[in-house]
Amino acid sequence: MPKLFYPAIFHPEKIGYSVVVPDIDGCFSEGDTLEEAVEMTCNAIGLCLEECQGNYPVPSNPANIQTKPSDFISLVPFEA
């Protein structure tokens, strides 16, 4: 099974992070800590791609994604 790495935009909140995965429509997540936010985003990607049957979206190049100054991008793994 291939492993894909999707860029996710992490936005620091007063407590924790909100996360958007721009390559996957409707894929949002959050977490109180960075570790929790990454874990929850992995789960969200899996749920969003559950019915793709192998036709997964191609991950974007993180260098091509625009963010706000306070945001950052991290690659989040998805085991297909």
C-alpha atoms as a PDB file:
ATOM      1  CA  MET A   1       0.000   0.000   0.000  1.00  0.00           C
ATOM      2  CA  PRO A   2       1.460   3.379  -0.942  1.00  0.00           C
ATOM      3  CA  LYS A   3       1.903   6.146   1.594  1.00  0.00           C
ATOM      4  CA  LEU A   4       0.866   9.627   0.494  1.00  0.00           C
ATOM      5  CA  PHE A   5       1.823  12.864   2.230  1.00  0.00           C
ATOM      6  CA  TYR A   6      -0.750  15.654   2.089  1.00  0.00           C
ATOM      7  CA  PRO A   7       0.215  19.223   2.947  1.00  0.00           C
ATOM      8  CA  ALA A   8      -1.933  20.575   5.752  1.00  0.00           C
ATOM      9  CA  ILE A   9      -2.246  24.211   6.793  1.00  0.00           C
ATOM     10  CA  PHE A  10      -2.002  24.606  10.575  1.00  0.00           C
ATOM     11  CA  HIS A  11      -3.468  27.756  12.085  1.00  0.00           C
ATOM     12  CA  PRO A  12      -2.519  28.504  15.714  1.00  0.00           C
ATOM     13  CA  GLU A  13      -5.570  29.257  17.867  1.00  0.00           C
ATOM     14  CA  LYS A  14      -5.781  30.591  21.442  1.00  0.00           C
ATOM     15  CA  ILE A  15      -5.740  26.952  22.485  1.00  0.00           C
ATOM     16  CA  GLY A  16      -4.326  24.497  19.965  1.00  0.00           C
ATOM     17  CA  TYR A  17      -4.558  24.456  16.189  1.00  0.00           C
ATOM     18  CA  SER A  18      -7.162  24.336  13.470  1.00  0.00           C
ATOM     19  CA  VAL A  19      -6.125  22.472  10.329  1.00  0.00           C
ATOM     20  CA  VAL A  20      -7.199  22.474   6.670  1.00  0.00           C
ATOM     21  CA  VAL A  21      -6.083  19.966   4.039  1.00  0.00           C
ATOM     22  CA  PRO A  22      -6.518  21.955   0.805  1.00  0.00           C
ATOM     23  CA  ASP A  23      -6.171  18.953  -1.538  1.00  0.00           C
ATOM     24  CA  ILE A  24      -9.204  17.200  -0.020  1.00  0.00           C
ATOM     25  CA  ASP A  25     -12.596  18.929  -0.153  1.00  0.00           C
ATOM     26  CA  GLY A  26     -14.118  19.295   3.297  1.00  0.00           C
ATOM     27  CA  CYS A  27     -11.084  17.980   5.174  1.00  0.00           C
ATOM     28  CA  PHE A  28     -10.752  19.998   8.367  1.00  0.00           C
ATOM     29  CA  SER A  29      -9.475  19.115  11.810  1.00  0.00           C
ATOM     30  CA  GLU A  30      -8.200  20.565  15.072  1.00  0.00           C
ATOM     31  CA  GLY A  31      -6.295  19.666  18.200  1.00  0.00           C
ATOM     32  CA  ASP A  32      -5.335  21.145  21.552  1.00  0.00           C
ATOM     33  CA  THR A  33      -1.655  20.357  20.925  1.00  0.00           C
ATOM     34  CA  LEU A  34       0.378  20.037  17.736  1.00  0.00           C
ATOM     35  CA  GLU A  35       0.684  16.287  18.277  1.00  0.00           C
ATOM     36  CA  GLU A  36      -3.082  15.948  18.704  1.00  0.00           C
ATOM     37  CA  ALA A  37      -3.763  18.163  15.677  1.00  0.00           C
ATOM     38  CA  VAL A  38      -1.523  15.996  13.466  1.00  0.00           C
ATOM     39  CA  GLU A  39      -3.144  12.792  14.750  1.00  0.00           C
ATOM     40  CA  MET A  40      -6.662  14.160  14.251  1.00  0.00           C
ATOM     41  CA  THR A  41      -5.726  15.354  10.751  1.00  0.00           C
ATOM     42  CA  CYS A  42      -4.466  11.862   9.846  1.00  0.00           C
ATOM     43  CA  ASN A  43      -7.848  10.511  10.963  1.00  0.00           C
ATOM     44  CA  ALA A  44      -9.746  13.199   9.039  1.00  0.00           C
ATOM     45  CA  ILE A  45      -7.826  12.420   5.838  1.00  0.00           C
ATOM     46  CA  GLY A  46      -8.623   8.732   6.230  1.00  0.00           C
ATOM     47  CA  LEU A  47     -12.324   9.430   6.746  1.00  0.00           C
ATOM     48  CA  CYS A  48     -12.514  11.837   3.816  1.00  0.00           C
ATOM     49  CA  LEU A  49     -10.774   9.410   1.459  1.00  0.00           C
ATOM     50  CA  GLU A  50     -12.550   6.290   2.719  1.00  0.00           C
ATOM     51  CA  GLU A  51     -14.688   5.881  -0.381  1.00  0.00           C
ATOM     52  CA  CYS A  52     -12.135   6.927  -3.041  1.00  0.00           C
ATOM     53  CA  GLN A  53     -11.312   3.278  -3.799  1.00  0.00           C
ATOM     54  CA  GLY A  54      -7.735   4.081  -4.757  1.00  0.00           C
ATOM     55  CA  ASN A  55      -8.532   7.225  -6.751  1.00  0.00           C
ATOM     56  CA  TYR A  56      -6.847   9.493  -4.232  1.00  0.00           C
ATOM     57  CA  PRO A  57      -6.194  13.170  -4.968  1.00  0.00           C
ATOM     58  CA  VAL A  58      -2.599  13.936  -5.861  1.00  0.00           C
ATOM     59  CA  PRO A  59      -0.904  15.819  -3.007  1.00  0.00           C
ATOM     60  CA  SER A  60       0.119  19.394  -3.865  1.00  0.00           C
ATOM     61  CA  ASN A  61       3.619  20.746  -3.651  1.00  0.00           C
ATOM     62  CA  PRO A  62       3.691  22.626  -0.309  1.00  0.00           C
ATOM     63  CA  ALA A  63       5.748  25.401  -1.937  1.00  0.00           C
ATOM     64  CA  ASN A  64       2.717  26.266  -4.091  1.00  0.00           C
ATOM     65  CA  ILE A  65       0.335  26.795  -1.158  1.00  0.00           C
ATOM     66  CA  GLN A  66      -0.257  30.336   0.102  1.00  0.00           C
ATOM     67  CA  THR A  67      -0.703  30.803   3.857  1.00  0.00           C
ATOM     68  CA  LYS A  68      -1.255  33.639   6.279  1.00  0.00           C
ATOM     69  CA  PRO A  69       1.869  34.801   8.154  1.00  0.00           C
ATOM     70  CA  SER A  70       0.802  33.049  11.387  1.00  0.00           C
ATOM     71  CA  ASP A  71       0.061  29.716   9.651  1.00  0.00           C
ATOM     72  CA  PHE A  72       2.463  26.936   8.719  1.00  0.00           C
ATOM     73  CA  ILE A  73       2.357  23.871   6.499  1.00  0.00           C
ATOM     74  CA  SER A  74       3.232  20.348   7.539  1.00  0.00           C
ATOM     75  CA  LEU A  75       3.019  17.132   5.550  1.00  0.00           C
ATOM     76  CA  VAL A  76       0.573  14.629   7.033  1.00  0.00           C
ATOM     77  CA  PRO A  77       0.849  10.948   6.061  1.00  0.00           C
ATOM     78  CA  PHE A  78      -1.972   8.842   4.681  1.00  0.00           C
ATOM     79  CA  GLU A  79      -1.465   5.100   4.272  1.00  0.00           C
ATOM     80  CA  ALA A  80      -3.474   4.097   1.206  1.00  0.00           C
END
